[in-house]
Every structure is written in C-alpha cells, then in structure tokens.
C-alpha cells in the first residue's frame, strides 16, 4: 500500500470513531422520555433505539413574571397630577354640557316640525301621501334618537363629581303613531 491509501484509511477510521463517540446508544423510556445513561435505562425499563440518530433540540426558557411586576408599578406608570385631572374633568364636563344644549335645541326643532304627528305638507307630498308618511316616520324616529341621546348625556354628566346642570328632565314627547303605509292612496 502506498502512503496515500494509508492516510485515507486512517482518516476514515478516525471519522468513524468520532461519530461513534458523538452518538452514544439512546434508550426510549415508557413516558416517551429518552436517555443515554444505561443505569437510568435499566431502572426505568427503557428499550434501546434501533436505527437513525436522535436530534435533541433545546427548549426555550420560560420567563418569570415576578421580575416585571415591580417595574410596572414604579417607573413605567405615569400618574396625572390632581390639578391636571380636575382640569381635564372640567373640560370634559363642559363638552358634555355643550352637547346636551345642542341635543335639546335639536329636539325642540324636531318637535316644532313634528306638530303632534301632523307636520305641514312639503312640495310633492300633497300629491304623494306615502312620502308624507315616510317623512313623519323619519321625524318620529329622529325625535326618539335625540331623546335617547339626551338621556345618555345626562347619565354621563351624573357620573361626574360636579353638580349636574339645572335643566329640566326630558319630557315624554307627544309622538302620535304614524298612519300605516297601506292607508296611502
């Protein structure tokens, strides 16, 4: 044999020996646990694996939440100064009061136009009674929505600490039922 063949054989033997050392005999235990320790394998009645290599993939570490709790209560949470909060509350109350005045004015306009369920005819409505009935139904629905808005705004104003505006409670609007659509000519 020449030197080239001897070196090639030596490299092959070394590669095989290192592969044998890298992959020891692996045992499979009853609860799908794997081990390469023969003493543990005997104690748990594990069986040797036949065939291919076993790949071991390390799991991810679980982060504990105990370290993050103190940081949240200290530096990251910003408190608002009480004077600033009072100013914000006053601004919010002012916006709600303005919205309440607009809603009450809108309700007054709708009630004036509605005229107890008999609003004036407009344009083609004198010839097309169904259009008139549709407009009356729309007015009735708009009044109901506006009154619902007023109740909601007052409820929101009542939640704040400052006294509520001295406006009268929402009266039940005298809304007459619209004539049925089948009555149209």
Protein backbone atom coordinates (compact mmCIF):
# COMPACT_ATOMS: atom_id res chain seq x y z
CA UNK A 1 0.00 0.00 0.00
CA UNK A 2 1.19 3.40 -0.68
CA UNK A 3 1.12 6.30 1.68
CA UNK A 4 -1.99 7.84 0.12
CA UNK A 5 -4.11 4.76 0.89
CA UNK A 6 -2.79 4.52 4.43
CA UNK A 7 -3.70 8.13 5.16
CA UNK A 8 -7.16 7.69 3.63
CA UNK A 9 -7.81 4.59 5.76
CA UNK A 10 -6.58 6.44 8.86
CA UNK A 11 -8.96 9.37 8.19
CA UNK A 12 -11.90 7.01 7.68
CA UNK A 13 -11.15 5.20 10.96
CA UNK A 14 -10.85 8.50 12.85
CA UNK A 15 -14.11 9.80 11.37
CA UNK A 16 -15.94 6.61 12.31
CA UNK A 17 -14.52 6.68 15.84
CA UNK A 18 -15.51 10.31 16.37
CA UNK A 19 -19.04 9.61 15.10
CA UNK A 20 -19.34 6.68 17.48
CA UNK A 21 -18.27 8.90 20.37
CA UNK A 22 -20.63 11.70 19.36
CA UNK A 23 -23.70 9.46 19.22
CA UNK A 24 -23.97 7.12 22.16
CA UNK A 25 -26.61 4.44 22.47
CA UNK A 26 -30.01 6.04 23.15
CA UNK A 27 -32.82 4.42 25.14
CA UNK A 28 -36.56 5.14 24.94
CA UNK A 29 -38.40 5.03 28.26
CA UNK A 30 -42.15 4.38 28.78
CA UNK A 31 -43.29 8.06 29.01
CA UNK A 32 -41.61 8.99 25.71
CA UNK A 33 -38.52 10.05 27.61
CA UNK A 34 -35.12 9.46 26.07
CA UNK A 35 -31.82 8.90 27.84
CA UNK A 36 -28.30 7.78 27.04
CA UNK A 37 -27.46 6.69 30.59
CA UNK A 38 -27.54 2.90 30.87
CA UNK A 39 -28.16 2.95 34.64
CA UNK A 40 -31.29 5.09 34.27
CA UNK A 41 -32.39 3.00 31.29
CA UNK A 42 -32.21 -0.20 33.39
CA UNK A 43 -34.02 1.41 36.34
CA UNK A 44 -36.89 2.69 34.18
CA UNK A 45 -37.08 -0.40 31.94
CA UNK A 46 -36.13 1.55 28.80
CA UNK A 47 -35.55 -0.09 25.43
CA UNK A 48 -32.65 0.75 23.11
CA UNK A 49 -33.50 2.63 19.92
CA UNK A 50 -32.63 0.96 16.66
CA UNK A 51 -31.76 2.92 13.57
CA UNK A 52 -31.21 6.61 12.97
CA UNK A 53 -29.75 9.28 15.16
CA UNK A 54 -31.77 11.24 17.68
CA UNK A 55 -31.79 15.03 17.36
CA UNK A 56 -32.05 16.94 20.61
CA UNK A 57 -33.49 20.42 20.32
CA UNK A 58 -33.24 22.51 23.48
CA UNK A 59 -36.48 24.15 24.59
CA UNK A 60 -36.99 27.84 25.16
CA UNK A 61 -36.58 29.23 28.63
CA UNK A 62 -39.74 30.38 30.39
CA UNK A 63 -39.54 33.97 31.53
CA UNK A 64 -40.79 34.60 35.02
CA UNK A 65 -43.34 37.36 35.51
CA UNK A 66 -42.16 38.10 39.04
CA UNK A 67 -39.38 40.38 37.72
CA UNK A 68 -41.72 42.54 35.63
CA UNK A 69 -44.32 43.32 38.31
CA UNK A 70 -42.26 45.77 40.40
CA UNK A 71 -41.14 47.70 37.32
CA UNK A 72 -44.75 48.26 36.19
CA UNK A 73 -45.76 49.86 39.48
CA UNK A 74 -42.73 52.12 39.63
CA UNK A 75 -41.31 53.85 36.60
CA UNK A 76 -43.49 52.94 33.63
CA UNK A 77 -46.85 54.02 35.10
CA UNK A 78 -47.22 57.79 34.98
CA UNK A 79 -49.65 59.45 37.34
CA UNK A 80 -51.53 62.57 36.41
CA UNK A 81 -51.37 65.48 38.83
CA UNK A 82 -54.69 66.03 40.66
CA UNK A 83 -54.95 69.61 39.38
CA UNK A 84 -54.43 68.41 35.80
CA UNK A 85 -57.06 65.71 36.28
CA UNK A 86 -59.54 68.25 37.67
CA UNK A 87 -58.91 70.48 34.66
CA UNK A 88 -59.48 67.56 32.29
CA UNK A 89 -62.67 66.61 34.10
CA UNK A 90 -63.91 70.20 33.90
CA UNK A 91 -63.15 70.30 30.17
CA UNK A 92 -64.98 67.02 29.62
CA UNK A 93 -67.95 68.29 31.60
CA UNK A 94 -68.02 71.48 29.50
CA UNK A 95 -68.05 69.43 26.31
CA UNK A 96 -70.90 67.26 27.63
CA UNK A 97 -72.93 70.31 28.69
CA UNK A 98 -72.47 71.89 25.25
CA UNK A 99 -73.54 68.63 23.62
CA UNK A 100 -76.58 68.49 25.88
CA UNK A 101 -77.62 72.02 24.86
CA UNK A 102 -77.25 71.14 21.17
CA UNK A 103 -79.30 67.95 21.61
CA UNK A 104 -82.06 69.80 23.47
CA UNK A 105 -82.16 72.50 20.78
CA UNK A 106 -82.36 69.82 18.08
CA UNK A 107 -85.20 68.08 19.94
CA UNK A 108 -87.09 71.39 20.19
CA UNK A 109 -86.70 71.93 16.42
CA UNK A 110 -87.91 68.41 15.65
CA UNK A 111 -90.92 68.73 17.96
CA UNK A 112 -91.83 72.07 16.36
CA UNK A 113 -91.64 70.50 12.90
CA UNK A 114 -93.49 67.34 14.01
CA UNK A 115 -96.53 69.28 15.33
CA UNK A 116 -98.04 66.38 17.30
CA UNK A 117 -97.81 63.99 14.37
CA UNK A 118 -99.33 66.36 11.79
CA UNK A 119 -96.48 68.30 10.16
CA UNK A 120 -97.15 70.57 7.20
CA UNK A 121 -97.00 69.03 3.73
CA UNK A 122 -93.92 69.92 1.72
CA UNK A 123 -93.67 70.09 -2.08
CA UNK A 124 -94.80 66.89 -3.77
CA UNK A 125 -96.13 65.42 -0.51
CA UNK A 126 -99.56 66.95 -1.22
CA UNK A 127 -99.82 64.64 -4.23
CA UNK A 128 -97.81 61.69 -2.82
CA UNK A 129 -99.19 60.75 0.58
CA UNK A 130 -96.63 57.96 1.09
CA UNK A 131 -93.75 60.45 1.01
CA UNK A 132 -95.55 62.45 3.69
CA UNK A 133 -95.98 59.34 5.84
CA UNK A 134 -92.31 58.43 5.37
CA UNK A 135 -91.22 61.90 6.47
CA UNK A 136 -93.49 61.76 9.52
CA UNK A 137 -91.98 58.37 10.46
CA UNK A 138 -88.45 59.76 9.99
CA UNK A 139 -89.29 62.75 12.22
CA UNK A 140 -90.68 60.42 14.89
CA UNK A 141 -87.52 58.27 14.78
CA UNK A 142 -85.27 61.35 14.90
CA UNK A 143 -87.13 62.63 17.97
CA UNK A 144 -86.71 59.26 19.69
CA UNK A 145 -82.98 59.19 18.86
CA UNK A 146 -82.47 62.72 20.13
CA UNK A 147 -84.28 61.97 23.38
CA UNK A 148 -82.14 58.87 23.81
CA UNK A 149 -79.03 60.99 23.27
CA UNK A 150 -80.20 63.49 25.87
CA UNK A 151 -80.80 60.73 28.43
CA UNK A 152 -77.32 59.31 27.75
CA UNK A 153 -75.61 62.69 28.07
CA UNK A 154 -77.41 63.39 31.34
CA UNK A 155 -76.42 59.97 32.65
CA UNK A 156 -72.79 60.72 31.76
CA UNK A 157 -73.00 64.11 33.43
CA UNK A 158 -74.44 62.45 36.54
CA UNK A 159 -71.36 60.22 36.80
CA UNK A 160 -69.06 63.19 37.29
CA UNK A 161 -68.49 64.73 40.72
CA UNK A 162 -69.62 68.26 39.83
CA UNK A 163 -73.32 69.18 40.10
CA UNK A 164 -75.46 68.46 37.06
CA UNK A 165 -76.89 71.35 35.01
CA UNK A 166 -80.21 72.68 36.20
CA UNK A 167 -82.09 71.78 33.04
CA UNK A 168 -85.49 70.20 33.20
CA UNK A 169 -85.87 66.44 32.81
CA UNK A 170 -86.66 65.12 29.36
CA UNK A 171 -90.42 65.22 28.93
CA UNK A 172 -92.04 62.41 27.05
CA UNK A 173 -92.65 63.87 23.63
CA UNK A 174 -96.23 63.62 22.42
CA UNK A 175 -95.45 61.48 19.41
CA UNK A 176 -98.53 60.22 17.62
CA UNK A 177 -98.33 56.99 15.71
CA UNK A 178 -97.86 57.48 12.00
CA UNK A 179 -100.62 56.26 9.75
CA UNK A 180 -99.95 52.82 8.29
CA UNK A 181 -98.46 52.69 4.82
CA UNK A 182 -101.41 50.71 3.49
CA UNK A 183 -103.66 53.71 4.11
CA UNK A 184 -101.87 55.67 1.36
CA UNK A 185 -103.81 56.40 -1.80
